[in-house]
Amino acid sequence: MTLSGYKIIQKNEAIYNGAIGAICGPGGVDDCYVATGKTRSQGAEAELIGRPLEGWDINASYTYNDNWIVNNGSATQSGLTYAGNSPKHLWKLWTHYRFEPYRGAQKNVWSIGGGFNAQTSTFGTNRTVTQGGYIIGSIQAGYQWNKYLSLSATLNNVANKRYYQRLGNLYYYNYYGEPRNFMFTLRSNF
């Protein structure tokens, strides 16, 4: 098991200045930023990797991420969440089981696995583009011919959940996450 934590305070961060309008940059049409911001990021992560029973592996983790604006030059955004594409809570779980080999076998032949990634809501570069929390699940089955050669088939995003991997604004920089997909892996060890 591993535990970690962090606390970061950043000063003089570039903060968008909406009072001026889009008059900056070489062409005079870009947004303007000023270095008055102060943000705080803090959080913790716990990860557990283990084998509770022979043939059964588990990897589980939880991340808590708290980012907020301490001061941005005005009282309007102080206390609001900063870094909107970072969810406040993030969970991951993967479990994999190798069945007992048949009598006289030197290896585990069949295996199954599954897991999920889950996170709480996020927002894009402006606070009008939002996404609620979501869960993405995957399953896997595998076969091992010998100690050198194995094959696995994985189905990702089992429910074909439609979600954004990253949010931008109303018109662009919104990237969809992967839809349901299959992956076959042939692995050879020498």
Protein backbone atom coordinates (compact mmCIF):
# COMPACT_ATOMS: atom_id res chain seq x y z
CA MET A 1 0.00 0.00 0.00
CA THR A 2 1.23 3.49 -0.82
CA LEU A 3 -0.01 6.81 0.52
CA SER A 4 1.02 10.24 -0.71
CA GLY A 5 -0.11 13.81 -0.25
CA TYR A 6 0.69 17.24 -1.61
CA LYS A 7 0.01 20.94 -1.10
CA ILE A 8 1.05 23.51 -3.71
CA ILE A 9 0.50 27.28 -3.51
CA GLN A 10 1.22 29.22 -6.70
CA LYS A 11 1.56 33.01 -6.75
CA ASN A 12 1.55 35.48 -9.64
CA GLU A 13 -0.33 33.08 -11.79
CA ALA A 14 -1.66 34.43 -15.08
CA ILE A 15 -5.37 35.17 -14.64
CA TYR A 16 -7.74 36.15 -17.46
CA ASN A 17 -8.66 39.83 -17.33
CA GLY A 18 -12.20 40.11 -18.68
CA ALA A 19 -12.47 43.81 -17.82
CA ILE A 20 -10.14 44.79 -20.67
CA GLY A 21 -11.57 42.68 -23.48
CA ALA A 22 -9.73 40.98 -26.33
CA ILE A 23 -7.13 43.65 -27.19
CA CYS A 24 -3.85 41.83 -26.46
CA GLY A 25 -1.46 39.79 -28.59
CA PRO A 26 0.26 40.63 -31.90
CA GLY A 27 -3.00 41.23 -33.75
CA GLY A 28 -4.71 43.00 -30.84
CA VAL A 29 -7.54 40.45 -30.78
CA ASP A 30 -6.42 38.00 -28.06
CA ASP A 31 -7.55 37.74 -24.45
CA CYS A 32 -5.50 39.62 -21.88
CA TYR A 33 -3.98 38.09 -18.74
CA VAL A 34 -2.48 39.66 -15.64
CA ALA A 35 -0.13 38.12 -13.05
CA THR A 36 -2.15 38.67 -9.90
CA GLY A 37 -3.51 35.20 -9.19
CA LYS A 38 -2.87 32.89 -6.28
CA THR A 39 -4.09 29.29 -6.33
CA ARG A 40 -3.86 26.37 -3.96
CA SER A 41 -3.79 22.69 -4.90
CA GLN A 42 -3.82 19.97 -2.30
CA GLY A 43 -4.76 16.36 -2.18
CA ALA A 44 -3.89 12.78 -1.38
CA GLU A 45 -3.67 9.43 -3.08
CA ALA A 46 -3.91 5.89 -1.74
CA GLU A 47 -3.05 2.81 -3.78
CA LEU A 48 -3.37 -0.83 -2.82
CA ILE A 49 -1.81 -3.60 -4.87
CA GLY A 50 -2.07 -7.14 -3.61
CA ARG A 51 -2.88 -10.80 -3.95
CA PRO A 52 -5.54 -11.79 -1.38
CA LEU A 53 -5.66 -15.38 -2.68
CA GLU A 54 -3.44 -17.46 -4.93
CA GLY A 55 -4.12 -16.43 -8.54
CA TRP A 56 -6.18 -13.34 -7.61
CA ASP A 57 -4.59 -9.90 -8.08
CA ILE A 58 -6.14 -6.55 -7.15
CA ASN A 59 -5.03 -3.00 -7.92
CA ALA A 60 -7.18 -0.26 -6.35
CA SER A 61 -6.58 3.45 -5.95
CA TYR A 62 -8.33 6.61 -4.80
CA THR A 63 -7.26 10.20 -5.47
CA TYR A 64 -8.56 13.32 -3.73
CA ASN A 65 -7.72 16.54 -5.56
CA ASP A 66 -8.76 19.95 -4.17
CA ASN A 67 -7.82 22.96 -6.36
CA TRP A 68 -9.18 26.42 -5.69
CA ILE A 69 -8.55 30.07 -6.34
CA VAL A 70 -7.27 31.94 -3.29
CA ASN A 71 -7.14 35.33 -5.00
CA ASN A 72 -7.47 36.38 -8.61
CA GLY A 73 -7.41 40.14 -8.19
CA SER A 74 -11.15 40.36 -7.52
CA ALA A 75 -13.52 38.78 -5.06
CA THR A 76 -15.72 37.27 -7.79
CA GLN A 77 -13.81 33.99 -8.19
CA SER A 78 -12.04 33.62 -4.86
CA GLY A 79 -12.93 30.24 -3.38
CA LEU A 80 -14.04 28.76 -6.71
CA THR A 81 -12.54 25.56 -8.10
CA TYR A 82 -9.42 26.00 -10.18
CA ALA A 83 -8.20 23.50 -12.83
CA GLY A 84 -11.64 22.30 -13.84
CA ASN A 85 -10.42 19.29 -15.84
CA SER A 86 -9.10 17.73 -12.63
CA PRO A 87 -11.88 15.81 -10.88
CA LYS A 88 -12.10 16.17 -7.12
CA HIS A 89 -12.47 12.41 -6.60
CA LEU A 90 -11.01 9.67 -8.79
CA TRP A 91 -11.36 5.90 -8.24
CA LYS A 92 -9.69 3.04 -10.11
CA LEU A 93 -10.07 -0.69 -9.57
CA TRP A 94 -8.73 -3.62 -11.56
CA THR A 95 -8.95 -7.25 -10.53
CA HIS A 96 -7.60 -10.31 -12.33
CA TYR A 97 -8.02 -14.00 -11.50
CA ARG A 98 -6.04 -16.93 -12.92
CA PHE A 99 -7.92 -20.21 -12.52
CA GLU A 100 -6.21 -23.18 -10.93
CA PRO A 101 -4.40 -25.30 -13.50
CA TYR A 102 -5.74 -28.76 -14.24
CA ARG A 103 -4.07 -31.68 -12.49
CA GLY A 104 -0.50 -32.12 -13.72
CA ALA A 105 -0.36 -28.77 -15.53
CA GLN A 106 2.62 -26.47 -14.98
CA LYS A 107 0.68 -23.23 -15.49
CA ASN A 108 -2.65 -21.44 -15.03
CA VAL A 109 -4.47 -21.77 -18.35
CA TRP A 110 -7.55 -19.46 -18.20
CA SER A 111 -7.91 -16.04 -16.59
CA ILE A 112 -10.58 -13.36 -16.25
CA GLY A 113 -10.39 -9.75 -15.17
CA GLY A 114 -12.37 -6.58 -14.91
CA GLY A 115 -12.37 -3.13 -13.48
CA PHE A 116 -13.57 0.42 -13.63
CA ASN A 117 -12.46 4.04 -13.61
CA ALA A 118 -14.80 6.55 -11.97
CA GLN A 119 -14.58 10.26 -11.37
CA THR A 120 -16.65 13.18 -10.16
CA SER A 121 -17.76 16.13 -12.28
CA THR A 122 -15.44 18.49 -14.18
CA PHE A 123 -15.73 21.74 -16.14
CA GLY A 124 -13.89 23.23 -19.10
CA THR A 125 -11.97 26.44 -19.68
CA ASN A 126 -15.05 28.41 -18.81
CA ARG A 127 -17.54 27.32 -16.17
CA THR A 128 -20.48 26.95 -18.58
CA VAL A 129 -19.16 23.67 -20.09
CA THR A 130 -19.64 20.94 -17.50
CA GLN A 131 -19.70 17.18 -17.28
CA GLY A 132 -21.18 15.09 -14.51
CA GLY A 133 -19.33 12.22 -12.90
CA TYR A 134 -19.06 8.95 -14.78
CA ILE A 135 -17.93 5.33 -14.52
CA ILE A 136 -16.20 3.37 -17.31
CA GLY A 137 -15.96 -0.42 -16.94
CA SER A 138 -13.80 -3.02 -18.72
CA ILE A 139 -13.63 -6.83 -18.78
CA GLN A 140 -10.96 -9.27 -19.93
CA ALA A 141 -10.51 -12.97 -20.62
CA GLY A 142 -7.20 -14.70 -21.31
CA TYR A 143 -5.66 -18.02 -22.24
CA GLN A 144 -2.06 -19.13 -21.69
CA TRP A 145 -0.75 -21.85 -24.02
CA ASN A 146 2.58 -22.26 -22.27
CA LYS A 147 4.99 -20.19 -20.20
CA TYR A 148 6.05 -18.33 -23.35
CA LEU A 149 2.77 -17.54 -25.14
CA SER A 150 -0.56 -16.05 -24.00
CA LEU A 151 -3.60 -14.32 -25.55
CA SER A 152 -6.06 -11.95 -23.92
CA ALA A 153 -9.22 -10.22 -25.16
CA THR A 154 -10.34 -6.99 -23.49
CA LEU A 155 -13.63 -5.13 -23.88
CA ASN A 156 -13.20 -1.49 -22.83
CA ASN A 157 -16.10 0.85 -21.97
CA VAL A 158 -18.54 -2.05 -21.71
CA ALA A 159 -21.65 0.16 -21.46
CA ASN A 160 -20.45 2.37 -24.36
CA LYS A 161 -20.68 5.41 -22.07
CA ARG A 162 -20.38 8.71 -23.93
CA TYR A 163 -18.09 11.06 -22.02
CA TYR A 164 -15.48 13.73 -22.55
CA GLN A 165 -11.87 12.92 -21.85
CA ARG A 166 -11.16 16.65 -21.74
CA LEU A 167 -13.41 19.71 -21.72
CA GLY A 168 -12.68 23.04 -23.38
CA ASN A 169 -15.30 25.71 -24.11
CA LEU A 170 -18.64 25.81 -25.95
CA TYR A 171 -17.14 25.53 -29.43
CA TYR A 172 -13.87 23.60 -29.35
CA TYR A 173 -11.31 21.62 -27.33
CA ASN A 174 -13.91 19.10 -26.12
CA TYR A 175 -12.43 15.63 -26.68
CA TYR A 176 -14.59 12.54 -26.47
CA GLY A 177 -13.31 9.58 -24.50
CA GLU A 178 -12.93 6.23 -26.22
CA PRO A 179 -16.19 4.48 -27.12
CA ARG A 180 -16.67 0.75 -26.61
CA ASN A 181 -13.71 -1.06 -28.14
CA PHE A 182 -12.07 -4.48 -28.26
CA MET A 183 -8.39 -5.20 -27.84
CA PHE A 184 -6.67 -8.52 -28.48
CA THR A 185 -3.18 -8.97 -27.08
CA LEU A 186 -0.83 -11.78 -28.07
CA ARG A 187 2.14 -11.84 -25.69
CA SER A 188 5.33 -13.83 -26.07
CA ASN A 189 7.96 -14.04 -23.34
CA PHE A 190 11.47 -15.22 -24.03
